[in-house]
C-alpha cells in the first residue's frame, strides 16, 4: 500500500490519509463534525497513530479534517466530486476532425 490510502467510502464521502505524513495531532478527529474518525491501532514509520474512517456511513466528505490538518495528511472528498474527477481523468478516444 502507498502512503496515500483511501479509507472506506461512506454514502456521502470518504477520506484519504497520507499515513507517513501524519504526526498524530488529532485535529482531524477532534474537529470532524460527524465524529466518524478515530486513531488506528497501528503506527506509521514515525511512531504515530494515524486516523482511520471508523464510521464510513457518517462521512459526508466535507473536508473539515483536511482544513484543520497542519501537515496536509488527510483530506475529505464528497463521493459525487470524486466520481466526477475520475470521469474527467478518463480520456475519451480522439476522433480526427474532418476538414
PDB file of N, CA and C in Angstrom:
ATOM      1  N   UNK A   1       0.840  -1.187   0.000  1.00  0.00           N
ATOM      2  CA  UNK A   1       0.000   0.000   0.000  1.00  0.00           C
ATOM      3  C   UNK A   1       0.877   1.240   0.000  1.00  0.00           C
ATOM      4  N   UNK A   2       0.430   2.259  -0.693  1.00  0.00           N
ATOM      5  CA  UNK A   2       1.185   3.503  -0.705  1.00  0.00           C
ATOM      6  C   UNK A   2       0.894   4.278   0.568  1.00  0.00           C
ATOM      7  N   UNK A   3       1.610   5.407   0.726  1.00  0.00           N
ATOM      8  CA  UNK A   3       1.348   6.171   1.944  1.00  0.00           C
ATOM      9  C   UNK A   3       0.111   7.042   1.785  1.00  0.00           C
ATOM     10  N   UNK A   4      -0.530   7.007   0.634  1.00  0.00           N
ATOM     11  CA  UNK A   4      -1.803   7.696   0.476  1.00  0.00           C
ATOM     12  C   UNK A   4      -2.859   6.635   0.269  1.00  0.00           C
ATOM     13  N   UNK A   5      -3.685   6.451   1.262  1.00  0.00           N
ATOM     14  CA  UNK A   5      -4.646   5.365   1.229  1.00  0.00           C
ATOM     15  C   UNK A   5      -6.056   5.914   1.336  1.00  0.00           C
ATOM     16  N   UNK A   6      -6.946   5.385   0.542  1.00  0.00           N
ATOM     17  CA  UNK A   6      -8.350   5.748   0.652  1.00  0.00           C
ATOM     18  C   UNK A   6      -8.992   4.934   1.747  1.00  0.00           C
ATOM     19  N   UNK A   7      -9.736   5.589   2.570  1.00  0.00           N
ATOM     20  CA  UNK A   7     -10.456   4.866   3.609  1.00  0.00           C
ATOM     21  C   UNK A   7     -11.734   4.301   3.001  1.00  0.00           C
ATOM     22  N   UNK A   8     -12.449   3.537   3.782  1.00  0.00           N
ATOM     23  CA  UNK A   8     -13.725   3.001   3.307  1.00  0.00           C
ATOM     24  C   UNK A   8     -14.647   4.161   2.948  1.00  0.00           C
ATOM     25  N   UNK A   9     -15.428   3.966   1.923  1.00  0.00           N
ATOM     26  CA  UNK A   9     -16.315   5.026   1.458  1.00  0.00           C
ATOM     27  C   UNK A   9     -17.616   5.037   2.242  1.00  0.00           C
ATOM     28  N   UNK A  10     -18.057   6.232   2.567  1.00  0.00           N
ATOM     29  CA  UNK A  10     -19.362   6.408   3.177  1.00  0.00           C
ATOM     30  C   UNK A  10     -20.382   6.670   2.086  1.00  0.00           C
ATOM     31  N   UNK A  11     -21.617   6.878   2.476  1.00  0.00           N
ATOM     32  CA  UNK A  11     -22.628   7.109   1.452  1.00  0.00           C
ATOM     33  C   UNK A  11     -22.491   8.493   0.833  1.00  0.00           C
ATOM     34  N   UNK A  12     -21.888   9.417   1.564  1.00  0.00           N
ATOM     35  CA  UNK A  12     -21.746  10.760   1.022  1.00  0.00           C
ATOM     36  C   UNK A  12     -20.319  11.169   0.760  1.00  0.00           C
ATOM     37  N   UNK A  13     -19.365  10.532   1.435  1.00  0.00           N
ATOM     38  CA  UNK A  13     -17.979  10.946   1.268  1.00  0.00           C
ATOM     39  C   UNK A  13     -16.999   9.911   1.758  1.00  0.00           C
ATOM     40  N   UNK A  14     -15.736  10.254   1.622  1.00  0.00           N
ATOM     41  CA  UNK A  14     -14.655   9.404   2.095  1.00  0.00           C
ATOM     42  C   UNK A  14     -13.475  10.292   2.462  1.00  0.00           C
ATOM     43  N   UNK A  15     -12.477   9.719   3.082  1.00  0.00           N
ATOM     44  CA  UNK A  15     -11.254  10.456   3.398  1.00  0.00           C
ATOM     45  C   UNK A  15     -10.059   9.712   2.829  1.00  0.00           C
ATOM     46  N   UNK A  16      -9.028  10.463   2.524  1.00  0.00           N
ATOM     47  CA  UNK A  16      -7.751   9.913   2.108  1.00  0.00           C
ATOM     48  C   UNK A  16      -6.719  10.355   3.131  1.00  0.00           C
ATOM     49  N   UNK A  17      -5.889   9.424   3.563  1.00  0.00           N
ATOM     50  CA  UNK A  17      -4.890   9.701   4.597  1.00  0.00           C
ATOM     51  C   UNK A  17      -3.504   9.415   4.034  1.00  0.00           C
ATOM     52  N   UNK A  18      -2.616  10.372   4.167  1.00  0.00           N
ATOM     53  CA  UNK A  18      -1.211  10.166   3.835  1.00  0.00           C
ATOM     54  C   UNK A  18      -0.553   9.705   5.135  1.00  0.00           C
ATOM     55  N   UNK A  19      -0.581   8.419   5.347  1.00  0.00           N
ATOM     56  CA  UNK A  19      -0.221   7.799   6.622  1.00  0.00           C
ATOM     57  C   UNK A  19       1.151   8.244   7.112  1.00  0.00           C
ATOM     58  N   UNK A  20       2.139   8.244   6.256  1.00  0.00           N
ATOM     59  CA  UNK A  20       3.506   8.546   6.691  1.00  0.00           C
ATOM     60  C   UNK A  20       3.745  10.027   6.944  1.00  0.00           C
ATOM     61  N   UNK A  21       2.811  10.879   6.572  1.00  0.00           N
ATOM     62  CA  UNK A  21       2.934  12.315   6.832  1.00  0.00           C
ATOM     63  C   UNK A  21       2.298  12.683   8.171  1.00  0.00           C
ATOM     64  N   UNK A  22       1.344  11.886   8.625  1.00  0.00           N
ATOM     65  CA  UNK A  22       0.593  12.175   9.847  1.00  0.00           C
ATOM     66  C   UNK A  22       1.500  12.190  11.077  1.00  0.00           C
ATOM     67  N   UNK A  23       1.270  13.202  11.940  1.00  0.00           N
ATOM     68  CA  UNK A  23       2.007  13.316  13.201  1.00  0.00           C
ATOM     69  C   UNK A  23       1.123  13.039  14.414  1.00  0.00           C
ATOM     70  N   UNK A  24      -0.085  12.554  14.176  1.00  0.00           N
ATOM     71  CA  UNK A  24      -0.953  12.161  15.282  1.00  0.00           C
ATOM     72  C   UNK A  24      -1.441  13.298  16.150  1.00  0.00           C
ATOM     73  N   UNK A  25      -1.651  14.477  15.585  1.00  0.00           N
ATOM     74  CA  UNK A  25      -2.067  15.630  16.393  1.00  0.00           C
ATOM     75  C   UNK A  25      -3.522  15.544  16.850  1.00  0.00           C
ATOM     76  N   UNK A  26      -4.339  14.769  16.170  1.00  0.00           N
ATOM     77  CA  UNK A  26      -5.762  14.521  16.448  1.00  0.00           C
ATOM     78  C   UNK A  26      -6.691  15.669  16.059  1.00  0.00           C
ATOM     79  N   UNK A  27      -6.207  16.704  15.383  1.00  0.00           N
ATOM     80  CA  UNK A  27      -7.098  17.792  14.970  1.00  0.00           C
ATOM     81  C   UNK A  27      -8.220  17.272  14.078  1.00  0.00           C
ATOM     82  N   UNK A  28      -7.885  16.369  13.161  1.00  0.00           N
ATOM     83  CA  UNK A  28      -8.907  15.837  12.248  1.00  0.00           C
ATOM     84  C   UNK A  28     -10.004  15.115  13.024  1.00  0.00           C
ATOM     85  N   UNK A  29      -9.619  14.376  14.016  1.00  0.00           N
ATOM     86  CA  UNK A  29     -10.578  13.625  14.831  1.00  0.00           C
ATOM     87  C   UNK A  29     -11.402  14.580  15.691  1.00  0.00           C
ATOM     88  N   UNK A  30     -10.733  15.544  16.308  1.00  0.00           N
ATOM     89  CA  UNK A  30     -11.407  16.479  17.204  1.00  0.00           C
ATOM     90  C   UNK A  30     -12.413  17.377  16.488  1.00  0.00           C
ATOM     91  N   UNK A  31     -12.108  17.775  15.247  1.00  0.00           N
ATOM     92  CA  UNK A  31     -12.953  18.738  14.548  1.00  0.00           C
ATOM     93  C   UNK A  31     -13.900  18.113  13.532  1.00  0.00           C
ATOM     94  N   UNK A  32     -13.918  16.802  13.416  1.00  0.00           N
ATOM     95  CA  UNK A  32     -14.844  16.140  12.494  1.00  0.00           C
ATOM     96  C   UNK A  32     -16.277  16.352  12.989  1.00  0.00           C
ATOM     97  N   UNK A  33     -17.122  17.007  12.196  1.00  0.00           N
ATOM     98  CA  UNK A  33     -18.478  17.293  12.673  1.00  0.00           C
ATOM     99  C   UNK A  33     -19.359  16.052  12.816  1.00  0.00           C
ATOM    100  N   UNK A  34     -19.009  14.962  12.141  1.00  0.00           N
ATOM    101  CA  UNK A  34     -19.824  13.748  12.245  1.00  0.00           C
ATOM    102  C   UNK A  34     -19.166  12.677  13.107  1.00  0.00           C
ATOM    103  N   UNK A  35     -18.000  12.973  13.661  1.00  0.00           N
ATOM    104  CA  UNK A  35     -17.292  12.059  14.571  1.00  0.00           C
ATOM    105  C   UNK A  35     -17.093  10.673  13.962  1.00  0.00           C
ATOM    106  N   UNK A  36     -16.660  10.651  12.708  1.00  0.00           N
ATOM    107  CA  UNK A  36     -16.505   9.361  12.023  1.00  0.00           C
ATOM    108  C   UNK A  36     -15.052   8.896  11.959  1.00  0.00           C
ATOM    109  N   UNK A  37     -14.121   9.658  12.550  1.00  0.00           N
ATOM    110  CA  UNK A  37     -12.700   9.297  12.546  1.00  0.00           C
ATOM    111  C   UNK A  37     -12.233   8.884  13.934  1.00  0.00           C
ATOM    112  N   UNK A  38     -11.303   7.951  13.975  1.00  0.00           N
ATOM    113  CA  UNK A  38     -10.631   7.556  15.216  1.00  0.00           C
ATOM    114  C   UNK A  38      -9.184   7.240  14.882  1.00  0.00           C
ATOM    115  N   UNK A  39      -8.346   7.189  15.904  1.00  0.00           N
ATOM    116  CA  UNK A  39      -6.966   6.772  15.677  1.00  0.00           C
ATOM    117  C   UNK A  39      -6.919   5.283  15.381  1.00  0.00           C
ATOM    118  N   UNK A  40      -6.022   4.908  14.484  1.00  0.00           N
ATOM    119  CA  UNK A  40      -5.813   3.491  14.183  1.00  0.00           C
ATOM    120  C   UNK A  40      -5.103   2.832  15.356  1.00  0.00           C
ATOM    121  N   UNK A  41      -5.140   1.532  15.371  1.00  0.00           N
ATOM    122  CA  UNK A  41      -4.378   0.790  16.376  1.00  0.00           C
ATOM    123  C   UNK A  41      -2.922   0.671  15.950  1.00  0.00           C
ATOM    124  N   UNK A  42      -2.684   0.829  14.658  1.00  0.00           N
ATOM    125  CA  UNK A  42      -1.321   0.724  14.138  1.00  0.00           C
ATOM    126  C   UNK A  42      -0.579   2.047  14.200  1.00  0.00           C
ATOM    127  N   UNK A  43       0.686   1.995  13.857  1.00  0.00           N
ATOM    128  CA  UNK A  43       1.555   3.166  13.864  1.00  0.00           C
ATOM    129  C   UNK A  43       2.146   3.368  12.475  1.00  0.00           C
ATOM    130  N   UNK A  44       2.482   4.617  12.147  1.00  0.00           N
ATOM    131  CA  UNK A  44       3.234   4.849  10.923  1.00  0.00           C
ATOM    132  C   UNK A  44       4.725   4.691  11.228  1.00  0.00           C
ATOM    133  N   UNK A  45       5.580   4.915  10.236  1.00  0.00           N
ATOM    134  CA  UNK A  45       7.020   4.703  10.425  1.00  0.00           C
ATOM    135  C   UNK A  45       7.636   5.660  11.441  1.00  0.00           C
ATOM    136  N   UNK A  46       6.964   6.790  11.694  1.00  0.00           N
ATOM    137  CA  UNK A  46       7.458   7.757  12.680  1.00  0.00           C
ATOM    138  C   UNK A  46       7.005   7.408  14.096  1.00  0.00           C
ATOM    139  N   UNK A  47       6.129   6.410  14.219  1.00  0.00           N
ATOM    140  CA  UNK A  47       5.652   6.000  15.537  1.00  0.00           C
ATOM    141  C   UNK A  47       4.365   6.660  15.978  1.00  0.00           C
ATOM    142  N   UNK A  48       3.631   7.269  15.042  1.00  0.00           N
ATOM    143  CA  UNK A  48       2.377   7.940  15.385  1.00  0.00           C
ATOM    144  C   UNK A  48       1.177   7.106  14.952  1.00  0.00           C
ATOM    145  N   UNK A  49       0.122   7.162  15.753  1.00  0.00           N
ATOM    146  CA  UNK A  49      -1.162   6.631  15.314  1.00  0.00           C
ATOM    147  C   UNK A  49      -1.692   7.598  14.260  1.00  0.00           C
ATOM    148  N   UNK A  50      -2.367   7.096  13.276  1.00  0.00           N
ATOM    149  CA  UNK A  50      -2.945   7.932  12.219  1.00  0.00           C
ATOM    150  C   UNK A  50      -4.460   7.703  12.202  1.00  0.00           C
ATOM    151  N   UNK A  51      -5.223   8.632  11.640  1.00  0.00           N
ATOM    152  CA  UNK A  51      -6.679   8.496  11.656  1.00  0.00           C
ATOM    153  C   UNK A  51      -7.176   7.467  10.651  1.00  0.00           C
ATOM    154  N   UNK A  52      -8.278   6.841  11.003  1.00  0.00           N
ATOM    155  CA  UNK A  52      -8.981   5.934  10.097  1.00  0.00           C
ATOM    156  C   UNK A  52     -10.474   6.264  10.154  1.00  0.00           C
ATOM    157  N   UNK A  53     -11.146   5.972   9.080  1.00  0.00           N
ATOM    158  CA  UNK A  53     -12.586   6.195   8.991  1.00  0.00           C
ATOM    159  C   UNK A  53     -13.290   4.986   9.598  1.00  0.00           C
ATOM    160  N   UNK A  54     -13.786   5.144  10.815  1.00  0.00           N
ATOM    161  CA  UNK A  54     -14.402   4.016  11.515  1.00  0.00           C
ATOM    162  C   UNK A  54     -15.914   3.959  11.339  1.00  0.00           C
ATOM    163  N   UNK A  55     -16.521   5.064  10.969  1.00  0.00           N
ATOM    164  CA  UNK A  55     -17.958   5.097  10.711  1.00  0.00           C
ATOM    165  C   UNK A  55     -18.192   5.697   9.315  1.00  0.00           C
ATOM    166  N   UNK A  56     -17.879   4.927   8.276  1.00  0.00           N
ATOM    167  CA  UNK A  56     -17.972   5.466   6.914  1.00  0.00           C
ATOM    168  C   UNK A  56     -19.380   5.907   6.531  1.00  0.00           C
ATOM    169  N   UNK A  57     -20.373   5.308   7.140  1.00  0.00           N
ATOM    170  CA  UNK A  57     -21.748   5.692   6.820  1.00  0.00           C
ATOM    171  C   UNK A  57     -22.059   7.121   7.251  1.00  0.00           C
ATOM    172  N   UNK A  58     -21.249   7.690   8.144  1.00  0.00           N
ATOM    173  CA  UNK A  58     -21.472   9.052   8.621  1.00  0.00           C
ATOM    174  C   UNK A  58     -20.634  10.097   7.891  1.00  0.00           C
ATOM    175  N   UNK A  59     -19.649   9.675   7.114  1.00  0.00           N
ATOM    176  CA  UNK A  59     -18.754  10.625   6.449  1.00  0.00           C
ATOM    177  C   UNK A  59     -19.487  11.349   5.324  1.00  0.00           C
ATOM    178  N   UNK A  60     -19.411  12.680   5.335  1.00  0.00           N
ATOM    179  CA  UNK A  60     -20.033  13.487   4.286  1.00  0.00           C
ATOM    180  C   UNK A  60     -19.015  13.979   3.268  1.00  0.00           C
ATOM    181  N   UNK A  61     -17.728  13.789   3.547  1.00  0.00           N
ATOM    182  CA  UNK A  61     -16.692  14.290   2.646  1.00  0.00           C
ATOM    183  C   UNK A  61     -16.519  15.791   2.731  1.00  0.00           C
ATOM    184  N   UNK A  62     -16.877  16.379   3.847  1.00  0.00           N
ATOM    185  CA  UNK A  62     -16.869  17.840   3.994  1.00  0.00           C
ATOM    186  C   UNK A  62     -15.469  18.450   4.002  1.00  0.00           C
ATOM    187  N   UNK A  63     -14.453  17.660   4.266  1.00  0.00           N
ATOM    188  CA  UNK A  63     -13.044  18.065   4.317  1.00  0.00           C
ATOM    189  C   UNK A  63     -12.710  18.957   5.509  1.00  0.00           C
ATOM    190  N   UNK A  64     -13.513  18.939   6.542  1.00  0.00           N
ATOM    191  CA  UNK A  64     -13.155  19.667   7.757  1.00  0.00           C
ATOM    192  C   UNK A  64     -11.863  19.092   8.325  1.00  0.00           C
ATOM    193  N   UNK A  65     -11.680  17.788   8.216  1.00  0.00           N
ATOM    194  CA  UNK A  65     -10.451  17.142   8.684  1.00  0.00           C
ATOM    195  C   UNK A  65      -9.239  17.719   7.961  1.00  0.00           C
ATOM    196  N   UNK A  66      -9.342  17.865   6.664  1.00  0.00           N
ATOM    197  CA  UNK A  66      -8.242  18.393   5.875  1.00  0.00           C
ATOM    198  C   UNK A  66      -7.967  19.857   6.140  1.00  0.00           C
ATOM    199  N   UNK A  67      -9.009  20.614   6.434  1.00  0.00           N
ATOM    200  CA  UNK A  67      -8.832  22.036   6.697  1.00  0.00           C
ATOM    201  C   UNK A  67      -8.084  22.284   8.000  1.00  0.00           C
ATOM    202  N   UNK A  68      -8.235  21.393   8.956  1.00  0.00           N
ATOM    203  CA  UNK A  68      -7.559  21.566  10.241  1.00  0.00           C
ATOM    204  C   UNK A  68      -6.205  20.880  10.323  1.00  0.00           C
ATOM    205  N   UNK A  69      -5.888  20.002   9.391  1.00  0.00           N
ATOM    206  CA  UNK A  69      -4.621  19.266   9.453  1.00  0.00           C
ATOM    207  C   UNK A  69      -3.447  20.183   9.129  1.00  0.00           C
ATOM    208  N   UNK A  70      -2.520  20.375  10.068  1.00  0.00           N
ATOM    209  CA  UNK A  70      -1.382  21.269   9.818  1.00  0.00           C
ATOM    210  C   UNK A  70      -0.364  20.696   8.834  1.00  0.00           C
ATOM    211  N   UNK A  71      -0.444  19.403   8.560  1.00  0.00           N
ATOM    212  CA  UNK A  71       0.541  18.761   7.683  1.00  0.00           C
ATOM    213  C   UNK A  71      -0.058  18.249   6.377  1.00  0.00           C
ATOM    214  N   UNK A  72      -1.310  18.583   6.107  1.00  0.00           N
ATOM    215  CA  UNK A  72      -1.979  18.148   4.873  1.00  0.00           C
ATOM    216  C   UNK A  72      -1.905  16.631   4.710  1.00  0.00           C
ATOM    217  N   UNK A  73      -2.107  15.920   5.804  1.00  0.00           N
ATOM    218  CA  UNK A  73      -2.003  14.464   5.807  1.00  0.00           C
ATOM    219  C   UNK A  73      -3.344  13.774   5.579  1.00  0.00           C
ATOM    220  N   UNK A  74      -4.422  14.528   5.546  1.00  0.00           N
ATOM    221  CA  UNK A  74      -5.754  13.943   5.373  1.00  0.00           C
ATOM    222  C   UNK A  74      -6.612  14.922   4.592  1.00  0.00           C
ATOM    223  N   UNK A  75      -7.502  14.393   3.795  1.00  0.00           N
ATOM    224  CA  UNK A  75      -8.495  15.246   3.164  1.00  0.00           C
ATOM    225  C   UNK A  75      -9.757  14.449   2.891  1.00  0.00           C
ATOM    226  N   UNK A  76     -10.866  15.131   2.999  1.00  0.00           N
ATOM    227  CA  UNK A  76     -12.159  14.520   2.748  1.00  0.00           C
ATOM    228  C   UNK A  76     -12.650  14.886   1.364  1.00  0.00           C
ATOM    229  N   UNK A  77     -13.378  13.972   0.749  1.00  0.00           N
ATOM    230  CA  UNK A  77     -13.897  14.188  -0.598  1.00  0.00           C
ATOM    231  C   UNK A  77     -15.335  13.692  -0.653  1.00  0.00           C
ATOM    232  N   UNK A  78     -16.200  14.511  -1.228  1.00  0.00           N
ATOM    233  CA  UNK A  78     -17.569  14.054  -1.473  1.00  0.00           C
ATOM    234  C   UNK A  78     -17.530  13.047  -2.613  1.00  0.00           C
ATOM    235  N   UNK A  79     -18.270  11.980  -2.488  1.00  0.00           N
ATOM    236  CA  UNK A  79     -18.232  10.919  -3.498  1.00  0.00           C
ATOM    237  C   UNK A  79     -18.634  11.420  -4.874  1.00  0.00           C
ATOM    238  N   UNK A  80     -19.604  12.332  -4.934  1.00  0.00           N
ATOM    239  CA  UNK A  80     -20.012  12.842  -6.248  1.00  0.00           C
ATOM    240  C   UNK A  80     -18.872  13.621  -6.897  1.00  0.00           C
ATOM    241  N   UNK A  81     -18.065  14.329  -6.100  1.00  0.00           N
ATOM    242  CA  UNK A  81     -16.913  15.047  -6.648  1.00  0.00           C
ATOM    243  C   UNK A  81     -15.826  14.076  -7.081  1.00  0.00           C
ATOM    244  N   UNK A  82     -15.627  13.024  -6.307  1.00  0.00           N
ATOM    245  CA  UNK A  82     -14.618  12.022  -6.638  1.00  0.00           C
ATOM    246  C   UNK A  82     -14.973  11.314  -7.944  1.00  0.00           C
ATOM    247  N   UNK A  83     -16.234  10.972  -8.104  1.00  0.00           N
ATOM    248  CA  UNK A  83     -16.672  10.310  -9.332  1.00  0.00           C
ATOM    249  C   UNK A  83     -16.516  11.231 -10.535  1.00  0.00           C
ATOM    250  N   UNK A  84     -16.812  12.521 -10.364  1.00  0.00           N
ATOM    251  CA  UNK A  84     -16.656  13.477 -11.460  1.00  0.00           C
ATOM    252  C   UNK A  84     -15.187  13.622 -11.838  1.00  0.00           C
ATOM    253  N   UNK A  85     -14.299  13.654 -10.846  1.00  0.00           N
ATOM    254  CA  UNK A  85     -12.862  13.742 -11.136  1.00  0.00           C
ATOM    255  C   UNK A  85     -12.377  12.508 -11.881  1.00  0.00           C
ATOM    256  N   UNK A  86     -12.872  11.352 -11.479  1.00  0.00           N
ATOM    257  CA  UNK A  86     -12.456  10.120 -12.151  1.00  0.00           C
ATOM    258  C   UNK A  86     -12.939  10.095 -13.593  1.00  0.00           C
ATOM    259  N   UNK A  87     -14.158  10.572 -13.826  1.00  0.00           N
ATOM    260  CA  UNK A  87     -14.665  10.625 -15.204  1.00  0.00           C
ATOM    261  C   UNK A  87     -13.842  11.602 -16.035  1.00  0.00           C
ATOM    262  N   UNK A  88     -13.484  12.746 -15.458  1.00  0.00           N
ATOM    263  CA  UNK A  88     -12.710  13.750 -16.187  1.00  0.00           C
ATOM    264  C   UNK A  88     -11.302  13.262 -16.484  1.00  0.00           C
ATOM    265  N   UNK A  89     -10.766  12.411 -15.634  1.00  0.00           N
ATOM    266  CA  UNK A  89      -9.402  11.915 -15.821  1.00  0.00           C
ATOM    267  C   UNK A  89      -9.337  10.773 -16.827  1.00  0.00           C
ATOM    268  N   UNK A  90     -10.478  10.202 -17.160  1.00  0.00           N
ATOM    269  CA  UNK A  90     -10.511   9.106 -18.125  1.00  0.00           C
ATOM    270  C   UNK A  90     -10.600   9.701 -19.522  1.00  0.00           C
ATOM    271  N   UNK A  91      -9.530   9.571 -20.301  1.00  0.00           N
ATOM    272  CA  UNK A  91      -9.552  10.196 -21.624  1.00  0.00           C
ATOM    273  C   UNK A  91     -10.536   9.502 -22.561  1.00  0.00           C
ATOM    274  N   UNK A  92     -11.233  10.317 -23.302  1.00  0.00           N
ATOM    275  CA  UNK A  92     -12.124   9.781 -24.320  1.00  0.00           C
ATOM    276  C   UNK A  92     -11.311   9.593 -25.590  1.00  0.00           C
ATOM    277  N   UNK A  93     -11.684   8.643 -26.412  1.00  0.00           N
ATOM    278  CA  UNK A  93     -10.929   8.456 -27.650  1.00  0.00           C
ATOM    279  C   UNK A  93     -11.026   9.700 -28.528  1.00  0.00           C
ATOM    280  N   UNK A  94      -9.913  10.061 -29.133  1.00  0.00           N
ATOM    281  CA  UNK A  94      -9.883  11.219 -30.018  1.00  0.00           C
ATOM    282  C   UNK A  94     -10.339  10.805 -31.407  1.00  0.00           C
ATOM    283  N   UNK A  95     -11.184  11.617 -31.973  1.00  0.00           N
ATOM    284  CA  UNK A  95     -11.668  11.363 -33.326  1.00  0.00           C
ATOM    285  C   UNK A  95     -11.064  12.435 -34.222  1.00  0.00           C
ATOM    286  N   UNK A  96     -10.366  12.032 -35.273  1.00  0.00           N
ATOM    287  CA  UNK A  96      -9.774  13.045 -36.146  1.00  0.00           C
ATOM    288  C   UNK A  96     -10.857  13.921 -36.761  1.00  0.00           C
ATOM    289  N   UNK A  97     -10.582  15.198 -36.781  1.00  0.00           N
ATOM    290  CA  UNK A  97     -11.557  16.111 -37.366  1.00  0.00           C
ATOM    291  C   UNK A  97     -11.471  16.049 -38.887  1.00  0.00           C
ATOM    292  N   UNK A  98     -12.582  16.239 -39.515  1.00  0.00           N
ATOM    293  CA  UNK A  98     -12.659  16.239 -40.975  1.00  0.00           C
ATOM    294  C   UNK A  98     -12.725  17.686 -41.448  1.00  0.00           C
ATOM    295  N   UNK A  99     -11.901  18.054 -42.428  1.00  0.00           N
ATOM    296  CA  UNK A  99     -11.975  19.446 -42.929  1.00  0.00           C
ATOM    297  C   UNK A  99     -13.224  19.702 -43.729  1.00  0.00           C
TER     298      UNK A  99
END
